[in-house]
Amino acid sequence: MLMDAFPDPGLRCEDLAPEQAGTVFPLLREAIPGLLLPAWLRFARLVTAPRRAGQSGIKVVRRSPRPMPCGLFIWRRDDDPAHGAVLVAQHLLAIDLLDPGPMMAVLVRELEVLAPRLGCGGIRTMVIGPDAPLAARLLAARLLAAGHASAGSVMWKQLAPAPDRPARKGK
């Protein structure tokens, strides 16, 4: 691994274990202020379930020796008709009062390590953050510097109040 890929040797990126989902809830509340803990725990259990290994997960960044995560992204492997297998990442977050840049660099580097490991020929990163434009711009700058390019935009329309639990098939 290249030394410049991880500007801070105290930062490490790893999979979030299902039982650790509560530790990242404060981070997610930064991106999703109305998120409720029970809804997050249900979602995280689904995404990180062992039966979903290689299909979805949550990556977290920790600063040694601190045990609490200070950055994360949620990912899934998707099939795209134009690009084949792609890694889709969303809710990339890095919280550091002084400089979130090194954490963003670690997250971006992890995307580029994870994609080929999953057999993905591309990475689609959802840079969403109208409530946090500075963080979104910082992330976009890191992605651009790593060779990523804008491929469009994401639009959203809320049709109903957000449920406190994920929708179930057949209901």
N, C-alpha and C. Protein backbone atom coordinates (compact mmCIF):
# COMPACT_ATOMS: atom_id res chain seq x y z
N MET A 1 0.85 -1.19 0.00
CA MET A 1 0.00 0.00 0.00
C MET A 1 0.88 1.24 0.00
N LEU A 2 0.51 2.22 -0.77
CA LEU A 2 1.30 3.44 -0.87
C LEU A 2 1.16 4.28 0.40
N MET A 3 2.27 4.86 0.82
CA MET A 3 2.24 5.68 2.04
C MET A 3 1.36 6.90 1.86
N ASP A 4 1.35 7.52 0.68
CA ASP A 4 0.54 8.72 0.51
C ASP A 4 -0.95 8.41 0.40
N ALA A 5 -1.30 7.13 0.30
CA ALA A 5 -2.72 6.76 0.24
C ALA A 5 -3.40 7.01 1.58
N PHE A 6 -2.65 6.90 2.65
CA PHE A 6 -3.17 7.13 4.00
C PHE A 6 -2.31 8.20 4.64
N PRO A 7 -2.71 9.47 4.52
CA PRO A 7 -1.89 10.57 5.01
C PRO A 7 -1.65 10.54 6.50
N ASP A 8 -2.49 9.86 7.26
CA ASP A 8 -2.33 9.79 8.71
C ASP A 8 -2.25 8.32 9.09
N PRO A 9 -1.08 7.87 9.54
CA PRO A 9 -0.95 6.44 9.87
C PRO A 9 -1.83 6.01 11.04
N GLY A 10 -2.39 6.95 11.79
CA GLY A 10 -3.28 6.61 12.89
C GLY A 10 -4.69 6.29 12.45
N LEU A 11 -5.00 6.50 11.17
CA LEU A 11 -6.34 6.22 10.66
C LEU A 11 -6.39 4.83 10.05
N ARG A 12 -7.45 4.12 10.35
CA ARG A 12 -7.63 2.80 9.75
C ARG A 12 -9.09 2.63 9.34
N CYS A 13 -9.31 1.94 8.25
CA CYS A 13 -10.65 1.71 7.73
C CYS A 13 -10.96 0.22 7.87
N GLU A 14 -12.17 -0.09 8.32
CA GLU A 14 -12.55 -1.48 8.53
C GLU A 14 -14.05 -1.64 8.40
N ASP A 15 -14.49 -2.88 8.29
CA ASP A 15 -15.92 -3.18 8.24
C ASP A 15 -16.55 -2.92 9.60
N LEU A 16 -17.76 -2.41 9.57
CA LEU A 16 -18.52 -2.23 10.81
C LEU A 16 -19.22 -3.55 11.12
N ALA A 17 -18.99 -4.09 12.30
CA ALA A 17 -19.67 -5.31 12.72
C ALA A 17 -21.12 -4.96 13.07
N PRO A 18 -22.06 -5.87 12.79
CA PRO A 18 -23.48 -5.56 13.06
C PRO A 18 -23.74 -5.09 14.49
N GLU A 19 -23.06 -5.69 15.45
CA GLU A 19 -23.30 -5.31 16.85
C GLU A 19 -22.72 -3.95 17.22
N GLN A 20 -21.96 -3.33 16.32
CA GLN A 20 -21.37 -2.01 16.56
C GLN A 20 -22.16 -0.89 15.89
N ALA A 21 -23.32 -1.20 15.33
CA ALA A 21 -24.08 -0.20 14.58
C ALA A 21 -24.42 1.03 15.41
N GLY A 22 -24.68 0.85 16.67
CA GLY A 22 -25.01 1.99 17.53
C GLY A 22 -23.88 2.99 17.68
N THR A 23 -22.64 2.55 17.50
CA THR A 23 -21.50 3.45 17.67
C THR A 23 -21.41 4.52 16.59
N VAL A 24 -22.03 4.28 15.44
CA VAL A 24 -21.95 5.26 14.36
C VAL A 24 -23.22 6.11 14.25
N PHE A 25 -24.19 5.84 15.11
CA PHE A 25 -25.44 6.60 15.06
C PHE A 25 -25.20 8.11 15.16
N PRO A 26 -24.35 8.59 16.07
CA PRO A 26 -24.11 10.05 16.12
C PRO A 26 -23.56 10.61 14.80
N LEU A 27 -22.73 9.84 14.10
CA LEU A 27 -22.22 10.29 12.79
C LEU A 27 -23.36 10.41 11.78
N LEU A 28 -24.21 9.39 11.74
CA LEU A 28 -25.32 9.39 10.78
C LEU A 28 -26.29 10.53 11.05
N ARG A 29 -26.46 10.89 12.31
CA ARG A 29 -27.37 12.00 12.63
C ARG A 29 -26.87 13.31 12.04
N GLU A 30 -25.58 13.42 11.79
CA GLU A 30 -25.04 14.62 11.14
C GLU A 30 -25.56 14.72 9.71
N ALA A 31 -25.66 13.58 9.03
CA ALA A 31 -26.12 13.57 7.64
C ALA A 31 -27.63 13.47 7.54
N ILE A 32 -28.23 12.78 8.50
CA ILE A 32 -29.68 12.52 8.47
C ILE A 32 -30.25 12.94 9.82
N PRO A 33 -30.48 14.25 10.03
CA PRO A 33 -30.88 14.75 11.35
C PRO A 33 -32.12 14.09 11.95
N GLY A 34 -33.08 13.69 11.15
CA GLY A 34 -34.30 13.09 11.69
C GLY A 34 -34.21 11.59 11.94
N LEU A 35 -33.08 11.00 11.68
CA LEU A 35 -32.93 9.55 11.82
C LEU A 35 -33.14 9.12 13.26
N LEU A 36 -33.94 8.07 13.43
CA LEU A 36 -34.20 7.52 14.76
C LEU A 36 -33.33 6.29 14.97
N LEU A 37 -32.87 6.11 16.20
CA LEU A 37 -31.98 5.00 16.52
C LEU A 37 -32.57 3.64 16.14
N PRO A 38 -33.83 3.32 16.48
CA PRO A 38 -34.35 2.00 16.09
C PRO A 38 -34.35 1.78 14.57
N ALA A 39 -34.70 2.82 13.82
CA ALA A 39 -34.70 2.69 12.36
C ALA A 39 -33.27 2.44 11.85
N TRP A 40 -32.30 3.17 12.39
CA TRP A 40 -30.91 2.99 11.98
C TRP A 40 -30.44 1.58 12.31
N LEU A 41 -30.72 1.09 13.51
CA LEU A 41 -30.25 -0.24 13.90
C LEU A 41 -30.84 -1.33 13.01
N ARG A 42 -32.12 -1.20 12.65
CA ARG A 42 -32.73 -2.18 11.74
C ARG A 42 -32.05 -2.14 10.37
N PHE A 43 -31.86 -0.92 9.85
CA PHE A 43 -31.20 -0.77 8.55
C PHE A 43 -29.79 -1.35 8.59
N ALA A 44 -29.02 -0.99 9.60
CA ALA A 44 -27.63 -1.44 9.71
C ALA A 44 -27.55 -2.96 9.83
N ARG A 45 -28.47 -3.57 10.56
CA ARG A 45 -28.48 -5.04 10.68
C ARG A 45 -28.71 -5.69 9.31
N LEU A 46 -29.60 -5.11 8.51
CA LEU A 46 -29.85 -5.66 7.17
C LEU A 46 -28.62 -5.53 6.27
N VAL A 47 -28.01 -4.36 6.29
CA VAL A 47 -26.87 -4.08 5.41
C VAL A 47 -25.63 -4.89 5.79
N THR A 48 -25.44 -5.12 7.09
CA THR A 48 -24.23 -5.80 7.55
C THR A 48 -24.45 -7.27 7.88
N ALA A 49 -25.63 -7.80 7.58
CA ALA A 49 -25.91 -9.20 7.89
C ALA A 49 -24.91 -10.12 7.19
N PRO A 50 -24.45 -11.16 7.86
CA PRO A 50 -23.48 -12.08 7.24
C PRO A 50 -23.95 -12.64 5.89
N ARG A 51 -25.24 -12.86 5.71
CA ARG A 51 -25.73 -13.37 4.43
C ARG A 51 -25.58 -12.36 3.31
N ARG A 52 -25.31 -11.09 3.63
CA ARG A 52 -25.12 -10.04 2.62
C ARG A 52 -23.63 -9.76 2.36
N ALA A 53 -22.76 -10.58 2.94
CA ALA A 53 -21.32 -10.38 2.74
C ALA A 53 -21.01 -10.33 1.25
N GLY A 54 -20.24 -9.36 0.85
CA GLY A 54 -19.89 -9.19 -0.55
C GLY A 54 -20.94 -8.46 -1.36
N GLN A 55 -22.09 -8.16 -0.75
CA GLN A 55 -23.17 -7.45 -1.44
C GLN A 55 -23.43 -6.06 -0.86
N SER A 56 -23.23 -5.90 0.43
CA SER A 56 -23.45 -4.60 1.07
C SER A 56 -22.72 -4.57 2.40
N GLY A 57 -22.52 -3.36 2.90
CA GLY A 57 -21.85 -3.22 4.19
C GLY A 57 -21.66 -1.76 4.56
N ILE A 58 -20.97 -1.58 5.66
CA ILE A 58 -20.64 -0.25 6.16
C ILE A 58 -19.16 -0.26 6.50
N LYS A 59 -18.43 0.69 5.96
CA LYS A 59 -17.01 0.85 6.27
C LYS A 59 -16.88 2.03 7.21
N VAL A 60 -16.04 1.88 8.22
CA VAL A 60 -15.81 2.96 9.18
C VAL A 60 -14.32 3.28 9.26
N VAL A 61 -14.05 4.54 9.58
CA VAL A 61 -12.68 4.99 9.83
C VAL A 61 -12.56 5.27 11.31
N ARG A 62 -11.48 4.77 11.89
CA ARG A 62 -11.18 5.04 13.31
C ARG A 62 -9.79 5.66 13.38
N ARG A 63 -9.64 6.53 14.35
CA ARG A 63 -8.33 7.15 14.60
C ARG A 63 -7.74 6.47 15.84
N SER A 64 -6.64 5.75 15.64
CA SER A 64 -6.00 5.04 16.76
C SER A 64 -5.47 6.05 17.76
N PRO A 65 -5.58 5.79 19.01
CA PRO A 65 -6.10 4.59 19.68
C PRO A 65 -7.58 4.70 20.05
N ARG A 66 -8.28 5.69 19.54
CA ARG A 66 -9.69 5.88 19.90
C ARG A 66 -10.56 4.78 19.30
N PRO A 67 -11.50 4.26 20.08
CA PRO A 67 -12.34 3.17 19.57
C PRO A 67 -13.54 3.63 18.73
N MET A 68 -13.96 4.89 18.89
CA MET A 68 -15.17 5.34 18.20
C MET A 68 -14.88 5.74 16.76
N PRO A 69 -15.75 5.35 15.83
CA PRO A 69 -15.57 5.73 14.43
C PRO A 69 -15.70 7.25 14.25
N CYS A 70 -14.92 7.79 13.31
CA CYS A 70 -14.98 9.22 13.01
C CYS A 70 -15.31 9.46 11.53
N GLY A 71 -15.55 8.40 10.79
CA GLY A 71 -15.94 8.50 9.40
C GLY A 71 -16.57 7.19 8.95
N LEU A 72 -17.34 7.26 7.87
CA LEU A 72 -17.97 6.03 7.37
C LEU A 72 -18.53 6.23 5.98
N PHE A 73 -18.84 5.12 5.33
CA PHE A 73 -19.70 5.10 4.15
C PHE A 73 -20.47 3.80 4.12
N ILE A 74 -21.66 3.87 3.54
CA ILE A 74 -22.51 2.70 3.35
C ILE A 74 -22.36 2.30 1.89
N TRP A 75 -22.18 1.01 1.63
CA TRP A 75 -21.94 0.57 0.27
C TRP A 75 -22.81 -0.64 -0.09
N ARG A 76 -22.96 -0.82 -1.40
CA ARG A 76 -23.60 -2.02 -1.93
C ARG A 76 -23.03 -2.29 -3.32
N ARG A 77 -23.05 -3.54 -3.70
CA ARG A 77 -22.64 -3.94 -5.04
C ARG A 77 -23.91 -3.99 -5.88
N ASP A 78 -23.87 -3.36 -7.04
CA ASP A 78 -25.04 -3.25 -7.88
C ASP A 78 -24.67 -3.65 -9.30
N ASP A 79 -25.65 -4.11 -10.06
CA ASP A 79 -25.44 -4.42 -11.47
C ASP A 79 -26.05 -3.31 -12.30
N ASP A 80 -25.25 -2.73 -13.17
CA ASP A 80 -25.67 -1.63 -14.02
C ASP A 80 -25.68 -2.12 -15.46
N PRO A 81 -26.76 -1.87 -16.21
CA PRO A 81 -26.80 -2.39 -17.58
C PRO A 81 -25.72 -1.82 -18.49
N ALA A 82 -25.24 -0.63 -18.19
CA ALA A 82 -24.22 -0.01 -19.04
C ALA A 82 -22.80 -0.30 -18.56
N HIS A 83 -22.63 -0.56 -17.26
CA HIS A 83 -21.28 -0.66 -16.71
C HIS A 83 -20.97 -2.00 -16.05
N GLY A 84 -21.93 -2.90 -15.97
CA GLY A 84 -21.70 -4.16 -15.28
C GLY A 84 -21.74 -3.95 -13.77
N ALA A 85 -20.94 -4.71 -13.05
CA ALA A 85 -20.91 -4.60 -11.59
C ALA A 85 -20.29 -3.27 -11.18
N VAL A 86 -20.98 -2.55 -10.30
CA VAL A 86 -20.47 -1.28 -9.78
C VAL A 86 -20.60 -1.26 -8.26
N LEU A 87 -19.69 -0.56 -7.63
CA LEU A 87 -19.76 -0.31 -6.20
C LEU A 87 -20.52 1.01 -6.04
N VAL A 88 -21.60 0.98 -5.27
CA VAL A 88 -22.38 2.19 -4.99
C VAL A 88 -22.12 2.57 -3.54
N ALA A 89 -21.66 3.80 -3.33
CA ALA A 89 -21.37 4.28 -1.98
C ALA A 89 -22.20 5.52 -1.69
N GLN A 90 -22.72 5.59 -0.49
CA GLN A 90 -23.49 6.77 -0.10
C GLN A 90 -23.26 7.07 1.37
N HIS A 91 -23.68 8.24 1.77
CA HIS A 91 -23.53 8.71 3.14
C HIS A 91 -22.07 8.65 3.59
N LEU A 92 -21.18 9.18 2.75
CA LEU A 92 -19.78 9.28 3.15
C LEU A 92 -19.67 10.42 4.14
N LEU A 93 -19.17 10.12 5.32
CA LEU A 93 -19.08 11.11 6.39
C LEU A 93 -17.71 11.07 7.02
N ALA A 94 -17.19 12.23 7.35
CA ALA A 94 -15.94 12.33 8.09
C ALA A 94 -16.09 13.50 9.06
N ILE A 95 -15.97 13.20 10.33
CA ILE A 95 -16.14 14.23 11.36
C ILE A 95 -14.80 14.45 12.05
N ASP A 96 -14.27 15.64 11.89
CA ASP A 96 -13.05 16.06 12.58
C ASP A 96 -13.11 17.57 12.67
N LEU A 97 -13.06 18.08 13.86
CA LEU A 97 -13.21 19.53 14.05
C LEU A 97 -12.09 20.32 13.39
N LEU A 98 -10.89 19.75 13.32
CA LEU A 98 -9.77 20.50 12.78
C LEU A 98 -9.55 20.26 11.29
N ASP A 99 -9.60 18.99 10.85
CA ASP A 99 -9.32 18.70 9.45
C ASP A 99 -9.89 17.35 9.05
N PRO A 100 -11.08 17.33 8.42
CA PRO A 100 -11.65 16.05 7.98
C PRO A 100 -10.99 15.51 6.70
N GLY A 101 -10.11 16.28 6.10
CA GLY A 101 -9.49 15.88 4.84
C GLY A 101 -8.80 14.53 4.87
N PRO A 102 -7.95 14.25 5.85
CA PRO A 102 -7.30 12.93 5.88
C PRO A 102 -8.30 11.77 5.99
N MET A 103 -9.37 11.98 6.73
CA MET A 103 -10.39 10.92 6.82
C MET A 103 -11.09 10.72 5.49
N MET A 104 -11.38 11.82 4.80
CA MET A 104 -11.99 11.71 3.48
C MET A 104 -11.06 10.96 2.53
N ALA A 105 -9.76 11.23 2.62
CA ALA A 105 -8.79 10.55 1.77
C ALA A 105 -8.80 9.04 2.05
N VAL A 106 -8.90 8.66 3.31
CA VAL A 106 -8.95 7.24 3.67
C VAL A 106 -10.23 6.61 3.12
N LEU A 107 -11.36 7.30 3.23
CA LEU A 107 -12.62 6.77 2.71
C LEU A 107 -12.56 6.58 1.19
N VAL A 108 -12.03 7.57 0.49
CA VAL A 108 -11.94 7.49 -0.97
C VAL A 108 -10.99 6.35 -1.36
N ARG A 109 -9.88 6.23 -0.67
CA ARG A 109 -8.94 5.14 -0.96
C ARG A 109 -9.61 3.78 -0.73
N GLU A 110 -10.40 3.67 0.32
CA GLU A 110 -11.08 2.41 0.61
C GLU A 110 -12.08 2.05 -0.49
N LEU A 111 -12.74 3.04 -1.06
CA LEU A 111 -13.62 2.78 -2.20
C LEU A 111 -12.85 2.10 -3.33
N GLU A 112 -11.66 2.61 -3.59
CA GLU A 112 -10.86 2.11 -4.71
C GLU A 112 -10.22 0.77 -4.42
N VAL A 113 -10.11 0.40 -3.17
CA VAL A 113 -9.61 -0.92 -2.78
C VAL A 113 -10.77 -1.92 -2.80
N LEU A 114 -11.93 -1.50 -2.32
CA LEU A 114 -13.09 -2.37 -2.20
C LEU A 114 -13.66 -2.77 -3.56
N ALA A 115 -13.77 -1.84 -4.49
CA ALA A 115 -14.41 -2.11 -5.77
C ALA A 115 -13.80 -3.31 -6.50
N PRO A 116 -12.49 -3.35 -6.73
CA PRO A 116 -11.94 -4.51 -7.43
C PRO A 116 -12.07 -5.81 -6.62
N ARG A 117 -12.01 -5.70 -5.31
CA ARG A 117 -12.17 -6.88 -4.47
C ARG A 117 -13.55 -7.51 -4.65
N LEU A 118 -14.55 -6.67 -4.96
CA LEU A 118 -15.91 -7.14 -5.17
C LEU A 118 -16.19 -7.48 -6.64
N GLY A 119 -15.18 -7.32 -7.48
CA GLY A 119 -15.36 -7.59 -8.91
C GLY A 119 -16.08 -6.47 -9.64
N CYS A 120 -16.01 -5.26 -9.10
CA CYS A 120 -16.69 -4.12 -9.70
C CYS A 120 -15.75 -3.39 -10.65
N GLY A 121 -16.29 -3.00 -11.79
CA GLY A 121 -15.50 -2.26 -12.77
C GLY A 121 -15.66 -0.76 -12.65
N GLY A 122 -16.43 -0.30 -11.68
CA GLY A 122 -16.64 1.13 -11.49
C GLY A 122 -17.17 1.43 -10.11
N ILE A 123 -17.15 2.71 -9.78
CA ILE A 123 -17.63 3.19 -8.48
C ILE A 123 -18.61 4.32 -8.72
N ARG A 124 -19.79 4.22 -8.15
CA ARG A 124 -20.77 5.30 -8.19
C ARG A 124 -20.90 5.81 -6.76
N THR A 125 -20.51 7.06 -6.56
CA THR A 125 -20.54 7.65 -5.24
C THR A 125 -21.63 8.70 -5.18
N MET A 126 -22.50 8.57 -4.23
CA MET A 126 -23.60 9.51 -4.05
C MET A 126 -23.12 10.61 -3.11
N VAL A 127 -22.81 11.78 -3.67
CA VAL A 127 -22.38 12.93 -2.88
C VAL A 127 -23.63 13.76 -2.64
N ILE A 128 -24.26 13.51 -1.51
CA ILE A 128 -25.53 14.16 -1.18
C ILE A 128 -25.32 14.96 0.09
N GLY A 129 -25.76 16.18 0.10
CA GLY A 129 -25.60 16.94 1.32
C GLY A 129 -26.02 18.38 1.23
N PRO A 130 -27.26 18.65 0.84
CA PRO A 130 -27.66 20.05 0.76
C PRO A 130 -27.62 20.73 2.12
N ASP A 131 -27.74 19.96 3.20
CA ASP A 131 -27.66 20.56 4.54
C ASP A 131 -26.22 20.71 5.00
N ALA A 132 -25.28 20.08 4.31
CA ALA A 132 -23.88 20.17 4.68
C ALA A 132 -23.05 20.39 3.42
N PRO A 133 -23.23 21.55 2.76
CA PRO A 133 -22.55 21.76 1.47
C PRO A 133 -21.03 21.75 1.58
N LEU A 134 -20.46 22.20 2.69
CA LEU A 134 -19.01 22.21 2.83
C LEU A 134 -18.47 20.78 2.80
N ALA A 135 -19.10 19.88 3.55
CA ALA A 135 -18.65 18.49 3.58
C ALA A 135 -18.81 17.86 2.21
N ALA A 136 -19.91 18.14 1.53
CA ALA A 136 -20.12 17.58 0.20
C ALA A 136 -19.07 18.09 -0.78
N ARG A 137 -18.73 19.37 -0.70
CA ARG A 137 -17.70 19.93 -1.58
C ARG A 137 -16.34 19.32 -1.27
N LEU A 138 -16.03 19.13 0.01
CA LEU A 138 -14.75 18.54 0.40
C LEU A 138 -14.65 17.11 -0.14
N LEU A 139 -15.72 16.35 0.00
CA LEU A 139 -15.73 14.98 -0.51
C LEU A 139 -15.60 14.98 -2.03
N ALA A 140 -16.35 15.83 -2.70
CA ALA A 140 -16.28 15.90 -4.16
C ALA A 140 -14.86 16.25 -4.60
N ALA A 141 -14.20 17.15 -3.90
CA ALA A 141 -12.82 17.53 -4.25
C ALA A 141 -11.89 16.33 -4.11
N ARG A 142 -12.06 15.55 -3.04
CA ARG A 142 -11.22 14.36 -2.84
C ARG A 142 -11.47 13.33 -3.94
N LEU A 143 -12.73 13.14 -4.29
CA LEU A 143 -13.06 12.17 -5.34
C LEU A 143 -12.48 12.60 -6.68
N LEU A 144 -12.62 13.89 -7.01
CA LEU A 144 -12.07 14.40 -8.26
C LEU A 144 -10.56 14.23 -8.30
N ALA A 145 -9.90 14.51 -7.17
CA ALA A 145 -8.45 14.37 -7.10
C ALA A 145 -8.02 12.92 -7.30
N ALA A 146 -8.89 11.97 -6.94
CA ALA A 146 -8.57 10.55 -7.09
C ALA A 146 -8.97 10.01 -8.46
N GLY A 147 -9.42 10.89 -9.36
CA GLY A 147 -9.75 10.47 -10.71
C GLY A 147 -11.21 10.21 -10.98
N HIS A 148 -12.07 10.42 -9.99
CA HIS A 148 -13.51 10.26 -10.21
C HIS A 148 -14.01 11.47 -11.00
N ALA A 149 -15.10 11.30 -11.73
CA ALA A 149 -15.66 12.39 -12.53
C ALA A 149 -17.16 12.46 -12.30
N SER A 150 -17.71 13.63 -12.43
CA SER A 150 -19.16 13.80 -12.30
C SER A 150 -19.83 13.10 -13.47
N ALA A 151 -20.88 12.32 -13.14
CA ALA A 151 -21.59 11.58 -14.18
C ALA A 151 -23.08 11.91 -14.15
N GLY A 152 -23.43 13.05 -13.61
CA GLY A 152 -24.83 13.44 -13.54
C GLY A 152 -25.14 14.02 -12.17
N SER A 153 -26.40 13.95 -11.83
CA SER A 153 -26.80 14.46 -10.52
C SER A 153 -27.87 13.55 -9.95
N VAL A 154 -28.13 13.72 -8.69
CA VAL A 154 -29.14 12.93 -8.00
C VAL A 154 -30.30 13.86 -7.66
N MET A 155 -31.48 13.44 -7.99
CA MET A 155 -32.68 14.21 -7.67
C MET A 155 -33.48 13.43 -6.65
N TRP A 156 -34.25 14.13 -5.82
CA TRP A 156 -35.03 13.48 -4.78
C TRP A 156 -36.34 14.20 -4.60
N LYS A 157 -37.40 13.45 -4.43
CA LYS A 157 -38.70 14.01 -4.09
C LYS A 157 -39.31 13.14 -3.01
N GLN A 158 -39.62 13.74 -1.89
CA GLN A 158 -40.27 13.02 -0.79
C GLN A 158 -41.75 12.89 -1.11
N LEU A 159 -42.27 11.66 -1.18
CA LEU A 159 -43.67 11.43 -1.51
C LEU A 159 -44.54 11.21 -0.29
N ALA A 160 -43.96 10.74 0.77
CA ALA A 160 -44.70 10.47 2.00
C ALA A 160 -43.74 10.66 3.17
N PRO A 161 -44.28 10.80 4.36
CA PRO A 161 -43.37 10.90 5.51
C PRO A 161 -42.45 9.69 5.56
N ALA A 162 -41.22 9.91 5.94
CA ALA A 162 -40.26 8.82 6.04
C ALA A 162 -40.73 7.82 7.09
N PRO A 163 -40.71 6.54 6.75
CA PRO A 163 -41.14 5.53 7.72
C PRO A 163 -40.09 5.37 8.81
N ASP A 164 -40.54 4.89 9.97
CA ASP A 164 -39.56 4.65 11.03
C ASP A 164 -38.95 3.26 10.89
N ARG A 165 -39.38 2.53 9.86
CA ARG A 165 -38.79 1.22 9.58
C ARG A 165 -38.77 1.01 8.07
N PRO A 166 -37.82 0.19 7.59
CA PRO A 166 -37.76 -0.07 6.15
C PRO A 166 -39.02 -0.76 5.66
N ALA A 167 -39.38 -0.48 4.42
CA ALA A 167 -40.55 -1.12 3.82
C ALA A 167 -40.31 -2.62 3.67
N ARG A 168 -41.36 -3.39 3.83
CA ARG A 168 -41.27 -4.85 3.65
C ARG A 168 -41.92 -5.22 2.34
N LYS A 169 -41.38 -6.25 1.72
CA LYS A 169 -41.96 -6.75 0.48
C LYS A 169 -43.35 -7.28 0.76
N GLY A 170 -44.27 -7.00 -0.14
CA GLY A 170 -45.61 -7.53 -0.01
C GLY A 170 -46.52 -6.70 0.86
N LYS A 171 -46.08 -5.56 1.36
CA LYS A 171 -46.93 -4.72 2.21
C LYS A 171 -47.13 -3.39 1.59
